[in-house]
Amino acid sequence: MGEIKENSARNPRNSRKSRNSRLSQGIIWLMLLLLIAGNYALARTRRPSDGRVHLIHADVLHTDQYSQPDVQILNGHVQFTHGGTRLYCDSAYFYESTNSFRAFGHVKMYQGDTLSLFSDYAYYDGDDELAIARHNVVLKHRKTTLYTDSLNFDKAYGIGYFFDGGRLVDKQNTLVADWGQYDTETKQSVFKYDVSLINKTTQVVTDTLYYNTSNSMAEMCGPTDITQKDSHIYTEHGYYNTNTDQSELYDRTIITNNDGKKLMGDSIYHDSETGISRAYHNVVYSDAKNKNQLTGNVCYYDDKQGYAYATDNAVAIDYSQKDTLYVHADTFKLYTFNINTDSMYRRIHAYNHVRAYRRDVQAVCDSMVYISCDSCATMYRDPIIWHDGQQLLGEEIKIYNNDSTVEWAHVINQALSVERLQQDTAKFNQIASKEMKAFFHGGEIYESQAIDNVQTCYYVIDDKDSSIISFNYLETTLMKMFLENRKLQKIWTPKFEGVMYPLTQIPPGKDRLTSFAWFDYIRPIDKNDIFEWRGKSEENKLKTIVRHSAPKNNLTGLKLQ
């Protein structure tokens, strides 16, 4: 039986020559241990030693006065006791003068009914109550088991730590790390370097992890990857409750699910069991497949119910077209109907103070609803749309899409279209009617219709030099306008009455319809301007009006195609 020597750097107590030396070295060791473990044990004080180590039994005892005069050599069913702790082994070297022993073969240590320590070899110091266990080490404490090859156990504090790799197993989790510490009193564990926590639903890989076996709560510190059945989480600091599958995640956490949807935020509360996530501050929800994003400072998402909302600087972003569309509202809400069926559809509500910007189109309204089954977005309460130099408004505006491009638009009640002339920005073409329709192809308008109680005034432009020729006023029941490359090609109307004025003979006020309004000061000028709400003045808000019927055809001198 050969003697196994401990590494003095890991076990400085073996080289002490006196009790005072051991005490000072023990204090240094304790301070270093607490510093590495996060200082969570500083509030506790070390208990005094329980006294002498007692040899209870050995089949054979002998000494070697020449080579090891201070050692009792023990063989066969060796048993020690020390302050309520029972220790068993096949053979041992007992150093009675230093109150310590080395144990070999089937080493077992029992402390009460709740803690046991097994190994192939151990060194035990009774003065410092320190057990150094090596090779096939198993530490069992209630329902928690720690497996390692090198373990130092401080019985006075009830703390065991390993440094050559270990594995801790409790009722539902397995934790693996290069270095770790387990506190039998607080049931708190610390793991460092290549840490992995695994259970039936989740795998956590991190650099540093704190884990409490009493409540199954894990705290991750440093870069962390959490893999679950339907999602992957990256965080650099967070808490994970392995009992409930709930997480509190900080430091710019990213959650990605299997279909490419991603949620980022400064702090996220995630419940993988219910599929509910709550995110706060600088939140970005992105859908790479459908090329859209939702940002804000407060977001909620229920994956199983298909319900979500965003508020506090909330912005919906669509980049499925060549230009990106930005839409801001006080609150966005998403509802999903017939989820997990072939007839599933979604409804998105945006309210209040809706403002939208894209380089070619801008819009404002009080609220908006989008329904995916008919690809229709409806703008409510004083909606206005701008396109280049044209403004369109009414009581309600519906926009129908096909594959994220506008197919046709419908303005309902008090429809008004105003276009500012490039030749003279003080002059406007205007059309007012009960309703309007516009039809698009490839994102370009090719036909528009003004329906019922149509009133229009517009300027005739010379095709050769783009100069203004005259001013026309017209009333009718229906007007269709056909365009190509955004230029008017012809106008069709059934019955009409109108007057053509030379530019120098336009009656005062005749160049403006009764309902004329130009809201250029409300129009968003860029993507950052969508956050500044500028509403209409009270006198310019749409009111219920009664229009007179359009007169019969009596237009003289007006050439229509």
Protein backbone atom coordinates (compact mmCIF):
# COMPACT_ATOMS: atom_id res chain seq x y z
CA MET A 1 0.00 0.00 0.00
CA GLY A 2 1.70 3.18 -1.22
CA GLU A 3 1.32 6.57 0.39
CA ILE A 4 -0.52 9.23 -1.65
CA LYS A 5 0.82 12.76 -1.10
CA GLU A 6 -1.48 15.77 -1.33
CA ASN A 7 -0.61 18.81 -3.43
CA SER A 8 0.54 21.35 -0.84
CA ALA A 9 -0.87 24.23 -2.95
CA ARG A 10 -4.33 22.73 -2.62
CA ASN A 11 -3.93 21.48 0.94
CA PRO A 12 -1.63 23.90 2.84
CA ARG A 13 -2.73 22.50 6.19
CA ASN A 14 -0.53 19.40 5.76
CA SER A 15 2.63 21.49 6.14
CA ARG A 16 1.63 23.29 9.33
CA LYS A 17 3.87 22.71 12.37
CA SER A 18 1.66 24.20 15.04
CA ARG A 19 -1.94 24.97 15.83
CA ASN A 20 -1.38 28.73 15.43
CA SER A 21 0.11 28.21 11.96
CA ARG A 22 -2.85 26.06 10.96
CA LEU A 23 -5.28 28.68 12.18
CA SER A 24 -3.68 31.54 10.19
CA GLN A 25 -3.43 29.42 7.03
CA GLY A 26 -7.06 28.36 7.48
CA ILE A 27 -8.17 31.99 7.58
CA ILE A 28 -6.31 32.74 4.32
CA TRP A 29 -7.81 29.67 2.64
CA LEU A 30 -11.29 30.65 3.82
CA MET A 31 -10.98 34.22 2.48
CA LEU A 32 -9.89 32.97 -0.95
CA LEU A 33 -12.69 30.41 -1.06
CA LEU A 34 -15.34 32.98 -0.21
CA LEU A 35 -13.97 35.43 -2.78
CA ILE A 36 -14.21 32.85 -5.57
CA ALA A 37 -17.68 31.71 -4.47
CA GLY A 38 -19.13 35.20 -4.60
CA ASN A 39 -18.86 35.98 -0.88
CA TYR A 40 -22.33 34.61 -0.16
CA ALA A 41 -21.09 32.77 2.95
CA LEU A 42 -19.50 35.78 4.68
CA ALA A 43 -22.41 36.19 7.07
CA ARG A 44 -21.71 32.82 8.69
CA THR A 45 -19.02 32.20 11.32
CA ARG A 46 -16.86 29.11 11.56
CA ARG A 47 -17.86 26.66 14.25
CA PRO A 48 -15.12 25.52 16.66
CA SER A 49 -13.60 22.10 16.09
CA ASP A 50 -15.48 19.17 17.61
CA GLY A 51 -12.33 17.88 19.30
CA ARG A 52 -10.23 14.79 18.80
CA VAL A 53 -10.53 12.20 16.06
CA HIS A 54 -11.24 8.84 17.67
CA LEU A 55 -10.22 5.50 16.25
CA ILE A 56 -13.13 3.11 16.86
CA HIS A 57 -11.99 -0.08 15.13
CA ALA A 58 -9.37 -1.68 12.90
CA ASP A 59 -8.77 -5.38 12.31
CA VAL A 60 -5.00 -4.81 12.38
CA LEU A 61 -2.99 -1.93 13.90
CA HIS A 62 0.79 -1.61 13.75
CA THR A 63 3.50 1.03 13.64
CA ASP A 64 6.83 1.46 11.89
CA GLN A 65 9.19 3.19 14.34
CA TYR A 66 11.93 3.54 11.77
CA SER A 67 10.24 4.92 8.60
CA GLN A 68 7.03 6.39 10.09
CA PRO A 69 7.35 6.68 13.85
CA ASP A 70 4.32 9.03 14.29
CA VAL A 71 1.90 7.00 12.21
CA GLN A 72 -0.49 4.23 13.24
CA ILE A 73 -1.02 1.93 10.26
CA LEU A 74 -4.55 0.47 10.20
CA ASN A 75 -5.99 -2.32 8.08
CA GLY A 76 -9.41 -4.01 7.80
CA HIS A 77 -12.78 -2.42 8.62
CA VAL A 78 -11.27 0.81 9.85
CA GLN A 79 -13.67 3.19 11.59
CA PHE A 80 -13.22 6.73 13.00
CA THR A 81 -15.57 9.19 14.66
CA HIS A 82 -15.24 12.93 15.00
CA GLY A 83 -17.93 15.15 16.49
CA GLY A 84 -20.90 13.15 15.24
CA THR A 85 -19.27 12.24 11.93
CA ARG A 86 -18.59 8.55 11.19
CA LEU A 87 -15.76 7.59 8.82
CA TYR A 88 -15.06 4.16 7.32
CA CYS A 89 -12.35 2.77 5.02
CA ASP A 90 -10.36 -0.38 4.18
CA SER A 91 -7.05 0.95 5.53
CA ALA A 92 -5.64 4.17 6.96
CA TYR A 93 -2.66 6.09 8.30
CA PHE A 94 -3.65 7.71 11.61
CA TYR A 95 -1.64 10.79 12.71
CA GLU A 96 -2.84 11.12 16.28
CA SER A 97 -0.44 14.00 17.06
CA THR A 98 -1.92 16.19 14.30
CA ASN A 99 -5.50 14.87 14.79
CA SER A 100 -5.69 13.68 11.18
CA PHE A 101 -5.63 10.54 9.04
CA ARG A 102 -5.36 9.28 5.48
CA ALA A 103 -8.00 6.78 4.35
CA PHE A 104 -7.66 4.24 1.51
CA GLY A 105 -10.21 2.03 -0.21
CA HIS A 106 -14.03 2.32 0.00
CA VAL A 107 -13.82 5.51 2.01
CA LYS A 108 -17.18 6.53 3.50
CA MET A 109 -18.10 9.51 5.63
CA TYR A 110 -21.53 9.98 7.18
CA GLN A 111 -22.78 13.12 8.90
CA GLY A 112 -26.20 12.57 10.40
CA ASP A 113 -28.88 11.13 8.12
CA THR A 114 -28.64 13.73 5.38
CA LEU A 115 -25.01 13.80 4.17
CA SER A 116 -22.59 11.12 2.98
CA LEU A 117 -19.25 11.25 1.17
CA PHE A 118 -17.68 8.34 -0.74
CA SER A 119 -14.29 8.09 -2.46
CA ASP A 120 -11.31 5.82 -3.10
CA TYR A 121 -9.00 8.00 -1.01
CA ALA A 122 -9.41 10.79 1.55
CA TYR A 123 -7.39 12.92 3.91
CA TYR A 124 -9.18 14.22 7.00
CA ASP A 125 -7.95 17.01 9.31
CA GLY A 126 -9.89 16.97 12.57
CA ASP A 127 -8.63 20.38 13.75
CA ASP A 128 -9.77 22.20 10.62
CA GLU A 129 -12.62 19.72 9.92
CA LEU A 130 -11.49 19.42 6.32
CA ALA A 131 -11.91 16.29 4.18
CA ILE A 132 -9.94 15.99 0.95
CA ALA A 133 -11.48 13.23 -1.17
CA ARG A 134 -9.98 11.90 -4.40
CA HIS A 135 -10.98 9.41 -7.12
CA ASN A 136 -14.59 8.36 -7.78
CA VAL A 137 -15.94 10.88 -5.30
CA VAL A 138 -19.68 10.93 -4.57
CA LEU A 139 -21.20 13.52 -2.22
CA LYS A 140 -24.87 12.93 -1.34
CA HIS A 141 -26.97 15.51 0.48
CA ARG A 142 -30.69 14.81 0.77
CA LYS A 143 -31.90 14.52 -2.85
CA THR A 144 -28.75 16.07 -4.36
CA THR A 145 -25.74 14.07 -5.55
CA LEU A 146 -22.36 15.46 -6.62
CA TYR A 147 -19.99 13.32 -8.70
CA THR A 148 -16.35 14.33 -9.19
CA ASP A 149 -12.81 13.04 -9.01
CA SER A 150 -11.40 15.66 -6.63
CA LEU A 151 -13.41 17.21 -3.81
CA ASN A 152 -12.46 19.27 -0.77
CA PHE A 153 -15.19 19.32 1.89
CA ASP A 154 -15.12 21.83 4.73
CA LYS A 155 -17.26 20.17 7.39
CA ALA A 156 -17.26 23.27 9.61
CA TYR A 157 -19.07 25.27 6.94
CA GLY A 158 -20.71 22.36 5.14
CA ILE A 159 -19.11 23.44 1.86
CA GLY A 160 -17.66 21.14 -0.77
CA TYR A 161 -15.82 22.29 -3.87
CA PHE A 162 -14.27 20.54 -6.86
CA PHE A 163 -11.73 21.81 -9.38
CA ASP A 164 -11.10 18.99 -11.88
CA GLY A 165 -14.61 18.68 -13.28
CA GLY A 166 -17.81 17.59 -11.59
CA ARG A 167 -21.48 16.75 -12.06
CA LEU A 168 -24.33 17.67 -9.71
CA VAL A 169 -27.66 15.86 -10.01
CA ASP A 170 -30.90 16.68 -8.20
CA LYS A 171 -34.50 15.60 -8.72
CA GLN A 172 -34.77 17.09 -12.23
CA ASN A 173 -31.53 18.80 -13.28
CA THR A 174 -27.99 17.79 -14.13
CA LEU A 175 -25.22 20.39 -13.87
CA VAL A 176 -21.70 19.88 -15.25
CA ALA A 177 -18.72 22.22 -14.83
CA ASP A 178 -14.92 22.33 -14.56
CA TRP A 179 -15.05 24.01 -11.14
CA GLY A 180 -17.83 24.11 -8.61
CA GLN A 181 -18.89 24.55 -5.03
CA TYR A 182 -21.87 23.22 -3.09
CA ASP A 183 -23.11 24.55 0.26
CA THR A 184 -25.04 21.93 2.23
CA GLU A 185 -26.48 24.53 4.60
CA THR A 186 -27.87 27.06 2.10
CA LYS A 187 -28.16 24.47 -0.71
CA GLN A 188 -26.52 27.06 -2.96
CA SER A 189 -24.11 25.93 -5.68
CA VAL A 190 -21.57 27.84 -7.74
CA PHE A 191 -20.28 26.50 -11.06
CA LYS A 192 -17.58 27.99 -13.31
CA TYR A 193 -15.99 27.25 -16.68
CA ASP A 194 -17.87 25.29 -19.37
CA VAL A 195 -21.02 25.05 -17.26
CA SER A 196 -23.98 23.05 -18.58
CA LEU A 197 -27.43 22.63 -16.98
CA ILE A 198 -29.66 19.99 -18.57
CA ASN A 199 -33.22 18.84 -17.85
CA LYS A 200 -36.10 17.37 -19.88
CA THR A 201 -36.95 20.62 -21.66
CA THR A 202 -33.88 22.86 -21.50
CA GLN A 203 -30.13 22.98 -21.89
CA VAL A 204 -28.20 25.95 -20.45
CA VAL A 205 -24.56 26.52 -21.45
CA THR A 206 -22.75 29.37 -19.70
CA ASP A 207 -19.52 30.49 -18.08
CA THR A 208 -20.74 30.97 -14.49
CA LEU A 209 -23.92 29.66 -12.90
CA TYR A 210 -25.39 29.87 -9.39
CA TYR A 211 -27.93 27.17 -8.59
CA ASN A 212 -30.06 26.54 -5.49
CA THR A 213 -31.21 22.96 -5.06
CA SER A 214 -34.01 23.91 -2.64
CA ASN A 215 -35.95 26.06 -5.13
CA SER A 216 -34.28 24.88 -8.39
CA MET A 217 -33.47 28.48 -9.32
CA ALA A 218 -30.44 29.12 -11.54
CA GLU A 219 -28.66 32.43 -12.09
CA MET A 220 -26.52 32.74 -15.23
CA CYS A 221 -23.61 35.17 -15.38
CA GLY A 222 -21.67 35.81 -18.57
CA PRO A 223 -22.47 34.75 -22.16
CA THR A 224 -25.25 32.13 -21.96
CA ASP A 225 -27.07 29.96 -24.51
CA ILE A 226 -30.41 28.44 -23.48
CA THR A 227 -31.81 25.86 -25.89
CA GLN A 228 -35.42 24.70 -25.60
CA LYS A 229 -37.72 22.70 -27.83
CA ASP A 230 -39.06 25.61 -29.89
CA SER A 231 -36.62 28.41 -29.14
CA HIS A 232 -33.08 29.53 -28.44
CA ILE A 233 -32.16 32.24 -25.91
CA TYR A 234 -28.95 34.23 -25.69
CA THR A 235 -28.34 36.34 -22.59
CA GLU A 236 -25.45 37.57 -20.47
CA HIS A 237 -27.27 37.70 -17.15
CA GLY A 238 -30.51 36.10 -16.05
CA TYR A 239 -32.47 33.80 -13.78
CA TYR A 240 -34.07 30.51 -14.82
CA ASN A 241 -36.61 28.66 -12.65
CA THR A 242 -36.23 25.03 -13.68
CA ASN A 243 -39.46 24.08 -11.85
CA THR A 244 -41.68 26.44 -13.84
CA ASP A 245 -39.56 27.00 -16.99
CA GLN A 246 -39.79 30.74 -16.33
CA SER A 247 -36.85 33.07 -17.01
CA GLU A 248 -35.91 36.62 -16.06
CA LEU A 249 -33.28 37.75 -18.54
CA TYR A 250 -31.23 40.95 -18.71
CA ASP A 251 -28.34 42.59 -20.58
CA ARG A 252 -29.81 42.66 -24.09
CA THR A 253 -31.35 39.20 -24.28
CA ILE A 254 -32.29 37.63 -27.64
CA ILE A 255 -35.01 34.96 -28.03
CA THR A 256 -35.23 33.20 -31.41
CA ASN A 257 -37.88 30.61 -32.24
CA ASN A 258 -37.72 27.89 -34.87
CA ASP A 259 -39.57 29.83 -37.57
CA GLY A 260 -37.12 32.74 -37.47
CA LYS A 261 -39.01 35.19 -35.28
CA LYS A 262 -36.72 37.06 -32.89
CA LEU A 263 -37.37 39.07 -29.73
CA MET A 264 -34.69 41.36 -28.24
CA GLY A 265 -34.86 43.58 -25.17
CA ASP A 266 -32.88 44.99 -22.29
CA SER A 267 -34.95 42.77 -19.98
CA ILE A 268 -37.28 39.89 -20.90
CA TYR A 269 -39.56 37.70 -18.76
CA HIS A 270 -40.12 34.44 -20.63
CA ASP A 271 -42.35 31.47 -19.78
CA SER A 272 -41.61 28.58 -22.13
CA GLU A 273 -44.50 26.53 -20.71
CA THR A 274 -47.19 29.10 -21.56
CA GLY A 275 -45.32 30.69 -24.46
CA ILE A 276 -45.66 34.16 -22.92
CA SER A 277 -42.87 36.75 -23.10
CA ARG A 278 -42.78 40.28 -21.66
CA ALA A 279 -39.98 42.57 -22.82
CA TYR A 280 -38.95 46.02 -21.64
CA HIS A 281 -36.75 48.85 -22.97
CA ASN A 282 -35.37 48.98 -26.51
CA VAL A 283 -37.48 46.00 -27.55
CA VAL A 284 -37.25 44.70 -31.12
CA TYR A 285 -39.53 41.93 -32.41
CA SER A 286 -38.56 40.86 -35.94
CA ASP A 287 -39.95 38.40 -38.47
CA ALA A 288 -37.30 37.69 -41.09
CA LYS A 289 -39.65 35.55 -43.19
CA ASN A 290 -42.29 38.27 -43.61
CA LYS A 291 -39.71 41.09 -43.43
CA ASN A 292 -41.25 43.18 -40.68
CA GLN A 293 -40.37 44.45 -37.20
CA LEU A 294 -42.12 45.82 -34.15
CA THR A 295 -40.21 48.02 -31.72
CA GLY A 296 -41.07 49.74 -28.44
CA ASN A 297 -40.21 49.94 -24.77
CA VAL A 298 -42.99 47.65 -23.51
CA CYS A 299 -43.96 44.50 -25.45
CA TYR A 300 -46.02 41.41 -24.63
CA TYR A 301 -46.28 38.25 -26.73
CA ASP A 302 -48.35 35.09 -26.20
CA ASP A 303 -47.06 32.58 -28.73
CA LYS A 304 -49.76 29.94 -28.07
CA GLN A 305 -52.68 32.37 -28.30
CA GLY A 306 -51.13 34.51 -31.01
CA TYR A 307 -51.74 37.68 -29.01
CA ALA A 308 -49.25 40.55 -28.70
CA TYR A 309 -49.11 44.22 -27.87
CA ALA A 310 -46.48 46.96 -27.93
CA THR A 311 -46.52 50.45 -26.46
CA ASP A 312 -44.24 53.30 -25.36
CA ASN A 313 -42.59 54.57 -28.57
CA ALA A 314 -44.01 51.61 -30.48
CA VAL A 315 -43.13 51.40 -34.20
CA ALA A 316 -44.16 48.81 -36.80
CA ILE A 317 -41.62 48.47 -39.62
CA ASP A 318 -42.21 46.74 -42.96
CA TYR A 319 -39.25 46.25 -45.30
CA SER A 320 -40.82 43.76 -47.70
CA GLN A 321 -40.84 46.40 -50.47
CA LYS A 322 -37.95 48.37 -51.94
CA ASP A 323 -38.70 51.21 -49.50
CA THR A 324 -39.21 50.67 -45.76
CA LEU A 325 -42.51 51.70 -44.15
CA TYR A 326 -42.49 53.04 -40.56
CA VAL A 327 -45.77 53.25 -38.60
CA HIS A 328 -46.01 54.72 -35.10
CA ALA A 329 -48.95 54.55 -32.69
CA ASP A 330 -49.45 54.84 -28.96
CA THR A 331 -50.32 51.11 -28.88
CA PHE A 332 -50.26 48.14 -31.24
CA LYS A 333 -52.26 44.97 -30.58
CA LEU A 334 -52.20 41.69 -32.49
CA TYR A 335 -55.04 39.13 -32.33
CA THR A 336 -54.96 35.68 -33.95
CA PHE A 337 -58.15 33.78 -34.82
CA ASN A 338 -58.55 30.06 -35.59
CA ILE A 339 -54.93 29.52 -34.60
CA ASN A 340 -53.30 26.25 -35.69
CA THR A 341 -55.95 25.76 -38.41
CA ASP A 342 -56.02 26.33 -42.17
CA SER A 343 -58.45 29.22 -41.68
CA MET A 344 -56.19 31.18 -39.31
CA TYR A 345 -56.08 34.93 -39.74
CA ARG A 346 -54.79 37.92 -37.77
CA ARG A 347 -56.08 41.34 -36.87
CA ILE A 348 -53.77 44.22 -35.95
CA HIS A 349 -55.02 47.32 -34.11
CA ALA A 350 -53.00 50.53 -34.03
CA TYR A 351 -54.22 53.41 -31.84
CA ASN A 352 -54.05 56.35 -31.04
CA HIS A 353 -52.05 59.02 -32.96
CA VAL A 354 -51.10 56.83 -35.90
CA ARG A 355 -48.39 58.32 -38.13
CA ALA A 356 -46.70 56.52 -41.03
CA TYR A 357 -43.75 57.35 -43.25
CA ARG A 358 -42.29 55.89 -46.42
CA ARG A 359 -40.33 57.91 -48.94
CA ASP A 360 -43.15 57.75 -51.51
CA VAL A 361 -46.18 57.80 -49.17
CA GLN A 362 -47.07 59.22 -45.74
CA ALA A 363 -50.22 58.95 -43.63
CA VAL A 364 -51.84 59.99 -40.36
CA CYS A 365 -55.07 58.98 -38.59
CA ASP A 366 -56.33 58.39 -35.09
CA SER A 367 -56.54 54.58 -35.36
CA MET A 368 -56.06 51.79 -37.88
CA VAL A 369 -57.07 48.12 -38.18
CA TYR A 370 -55.47 45.54 -40.48
CA ILE A 371 -57.15 42.17 -41.16
CA SER A 372 -54.99 39.54 -42.84
CA CYS A 373 -57.78 37.39 -44.32
CA ASP A 374 -58.76 40.15 -46.78
CA SER A 375 -55.42 42.02 -46.59
CA CYS A 376 -57.28 45.22 -45.76
CA ALA A 377 -56.02 48.13 -43.64
CA THR A 378 -58.73 50.55 -42.50
CA MET A 379 -57.87 54.05 -41.29
CA TYR A 380 -60.35 55.73 -38.96
CA ARG A 381 -61.03 59.25 -37.70
CA ASP A 382 -59.54 62.03 -39.82
CA PRO A 383 -57.31 59.83 -42.02
CA ILE A 384 -54.98 61.57 -44.48
CA ILE A 385 -52.66 60.04 -47.08
CA TRP A 386 -49.97 61.93 -49.01
CA HIS A 387 -48.29 60.71 -52.18
CA ASP A 388 -45.73 63.06 -53.72
CA GLY A 389 -47.68 66.31 -54.16
CA GLN A 390 -51.11 64.73 -53.67
CA GLN A 391 -53.22 64.63 -50.50
CA LEU A 392 -56.19 62.31 -49.98
CA LEU A 393 -58.58 62.34 -47.02
CA GLY A 394 -62.07 61.25 -45.93
CA GLU A 395 -64.00 59.92 -42.95
CA GLU A 396 -62.60 56.43 -43.51
CA ILE A 397 -59.96 54.98 -45.84
CA LYS A 398 -59.58 51.30 -46.73
CA ILE A 399 -56.41 50.01 -48.40
CA TYR A 400 -56.44 46.52 -49.92
CA ASN A 401 -53.13 44.75 -50.48
CA ASN A 402 -51.92 41.84 -52.54
CA ASP A 403 -48.56 40.32 -51.53
CA SER A 404 -47.70 43.44 -49.50
CA THR A 405 -48.38 45.79 -52.44
CA VAL A 406 -51.40 48.08 -52.70
CA GLU A 407 -54.11 46.68 -55.01
CA TRP A 408 -56.80 49.32 -54.52
CA ALA A 409 -57.92 51.96 -52.04
CA HIS A 410 -61.38 53.15 -51.01
CA VAL A 411 -62.14 56.55 -49.42
CA ILE A 412 -65.55 56.57 -47.73
CA ASN A 413 -67.57 59.76 -47.04
CA GLN A 414 -66.35 63.34 -47.47
CA ALA A 415 -63.61 62.21 -49.83
CA LEU A 416 -61.24 64.96 -50.89
CA SER A 417 -58.25 64.75 -53.20
CA VAL A 418 -55.90 67.73 -53.43
CA GLU A 419 -52.84 67.97 -55.71
CA ARG A 420 -50.42 70.90 -55.54
CA LEU A 421 -49.12 72.05 -58.90
CA GLN A 422 -45.40 71.92 -59.52
CA GLN A 423 -45.68 74.97 -61.79
CA ASP A 424 -47.21 77.11 -59.02
CA THR A 425 -47.31 75.77 -55.45
CA ALA A 426 -50.11 78.19 -54.58
CA LYS A 427 -52.47 76.43 -57.03
CA PHE A 428 -54.22 73.10 -56.38
CA ASN A 429 -56.21 70.57 -58.37
CA GLN A 430 -59.13 69.38 -56.23
CA ILE A 431 -61.78 66.66 -56.30
CA ALA A 432 -64.51 66.25 -53.68
CA SER A 433 -67.10 63.48 -53.64
CA LYS A 434 -68.97 61.15 -51.36
CA GLU A 435 -66.44 58.38 -51.97
CA MET A 436 -63.38 57.63 -54.09
CA LYS A 437 -61.62 54.53 -55.37
CA ALA A 438 -58.08 54.16 -56.68
CA PHE A 439 -56.65 51.10 -58.45
CA PHE A 440 -52.96 50.18 -58.57
CA HIS A 441 -50.67 47.92 -60.57
CA GLY A 442 -47.09 47.31 -59.49
CA GLY A 443 -47.45 50.02 -56.87
CA GLU A 444 -48.49 52.63 -59.47
CA ILE A 445 -52.00 54.08 -59.76
CA TYR A 446 -53.63 53.55 -63.17
CA GLU A 447 -57.28 54.50 -62.48
CA SER A 448 -59.17 56.56 -59.93
CA GLN A 449 -62.90 57.12 -59.46
CA ALA A 450 -64.89 59.86 -57.74
CA ILE A 451 -68.42 58.67 -56.95
CA ASP A 452 -71.56 60.65 -56.09
CA ASN A 453 -71.81 64.42 -55.60
CA VAL A 454 -68.57 65.01 -57.47
CA GLN A 455 -67.10 68.51 -57.47
CA THR A 456 -63.79 69.26 -59.09
CA CYS A 457 -61.63 72.20 -60.02
CA TYR A 458 -58.38 71.75 -61.88
CA TYR A 459 -55.90 73.56 -64.07
CA VAL A 460 -55.32 72.63 -67.71
CA ILE A 461 -51.60 72.14 -68.48
CA ASP A 462 -50.00 72.56 -71.89
CA ASP A 463 -48.35 69.27 -72.90
CA LYS A 464 -45.56 71.04 -74.81
CA ASP A 465 -44.14 73.46 -72.29
CA SER A 466 -46.04 72.40 -69.11
CA SER A 467 -47.48 75.89 -68.74
CA ILE A 468 -50.89 76.53 -67.17
CA ILE A 469 -53.55 77.28 -69.80
CA SER A 470 -56.86 77.66 -67.94
CA PHE A 471 -58.92 76.75 -64.87
CA ASN A 472 -61.96 74.42 -64.99
CA TYR A 473 -64.80 73.85 -62.52
CA LEU A 474 -66.99 70.73 -62.92
CA GLU A 475 -69.84 68.97 -61.12
CA THR A 476 -71.10 65.45 -61.91
CA THR A 477 -72.26 62.15 -60.41
CA LEU A 478 -69.28 60.03 -61.46
CA MET A 479 -65.78 60.72 -62.70
CA LYS A 480 -63.14 58.24 -63.85
CA MET A 481 -59.53 59.27 -64.38
CA PHE A 482 -57.03 57.11 -66.22
CA LEU A 483 -53.29 57.56 -65.62
CA GLU A 484 -50.04 56.26 -67.05
CA ASN A 485 -46.66 56.80 -65.40
CA ARG A 486 -48.45 58.95 -62.84
CA LYS A 487 -49.71 61.32 -65.56
CA LEU A 488 -53.38 61.91 -66.35
CA GLN A 489 -54.28 60.56 -69.79
CA LYS A 490 -58.03 61.09 -69.94
CA ILE A 491 -61.17 61.79 -67.92
CA TRP A 492 -64.56 60.13 -68.33
CA THR A 493 -67.87 61.34 -66.88
CA PRO A 494 -71.54 60.63 -67.83
CA LYS A 495 -73.38 63.87 -67.02
CA PHE A 496 -71.70 67.05 -65.93
CA GLU A 497 -71.91 70.81 -65.65
CA GLY A 498 -68.82 72.95 -65.73
CA VAL A 499 -67.20 76.24 -66.52
CA MET A 500 -63.80 77.03 -67.99
CA TYR A 501 -62.06 80.22 -66.83
CA PRO A 502 -59.04 81.96 -68.28
CA LEU A 503 -56.40 82.40 -65.61
CA THR A 504 -57.01 86.13 -65.42
CA GLN A 505 -60.79 85.75 -64.99
CA ILE A 506 -61.11 83.24 -62.14
CA PRO A 507 -63.74 84.62 -59.69
CA PRO A 508 -62.44 85.26 -56.16
CA GLY A 509 -62.62 82.09 -54.04
CA LYS A 510 -63.68 79.96 -57.00
CA ASP A 511 -60.28 78.27 -57.12
CA ARG A 512 -61.06 76.52 -53.80
CA LEU A 513 -63.78 73.97 -53.14
CA THR A 514 -65.87 74.47 -50.01
CA SER A 515 -64.21 71.46 -48.39
CA PHE A 516 -60.68 72.40 -49.48
CA ALA A 517 -57.93 71.85 -46.88
CA TRP A 518 -54.19 71.44 -47.24
CA PHE A 519 -52.58 69.72 -44.24
CA ASP A 520 -48.94 69.90 -45.23
CA TYR A 521 -48.01 70.94 -41.67
CA ILE A 522 -49.33 67.59 -40.38
CA ARG A 523 -47.46 65.47 -42.91
CA PRO A 524 -44.54 63.35 -41.53
CA ILE A 525 -41.30 64.54 -43.12
CA ASP A 526 -39.07 61.56 -42.21
CA LYS A 527 -39.05 58.35 -40.15
CA ASN A 528 -38.17 60.23 -36.96
CA ASP A 529 -41.05 62.69 -37.38
CA ILE A 530 -43.64 59.94 -36.86
CA PHE A 531 -43.23 60.33 -33.09
CA GLU A 532 -44.43 63.95 -33.05
CA TRP A 533 -48.21 64.14 -33.18
CA ARG A 534 -49.60 67.23 -34.92
CA GLY A 535 -53.38 67.07 -35.14
CA LYS A 536 -55.85 69.13 -37.11
CA SER A 537 -57.24 72.28 -35.65
CA GLU A 538 -60.83 71.88 -34.45
CA GLU A 539 -62.29 73.91 -37.34
CA ASN A 540 -60.55 71.69 -39.91
CA LYS A 541 -61.77 68.37 -38.59
CA LEU A 542 -64.24 66.54 -40.81
CA LYS A 543 -67.87 67.15 -39.93
CA THR A 544 -71.06 65.62 -41.24
CA ILE A 545 -72.15 67.59 -44.30
CA VAL A 546 -75.03 67.33 -46.78
CA ARG A 547 -74.09 67.83 -50.43
CA HIS A 548 -76.53 68.96 -53.09
CA SER A 549 -77.14 66.70 -56.05
CA ALA A 550 -74.92 67.16 -59.06
CA PRO A 551 -76.59 69.20 -61.88
CA LYS A 552 -77.43 67.80 -65.25
CA ASN A 553 -75.07 68.02 -68.18
CA ASN A 554 -74.68 71.69 -69.15
CA LEU A 555 -70.95 72.10 -69.67
CA THR A 556 -70.07 74.54 -72.42
CA GLY A 557 -66.67 74.79 -74.01
CA LEU A 558 -64.99 72.07 -71.85
CA LYS A 559 -63.28 69.40 -73.93
CA LEU A 560 -63.30 65.92 -72.37
CA GLN A 561 -61.95 62.71 -73.85
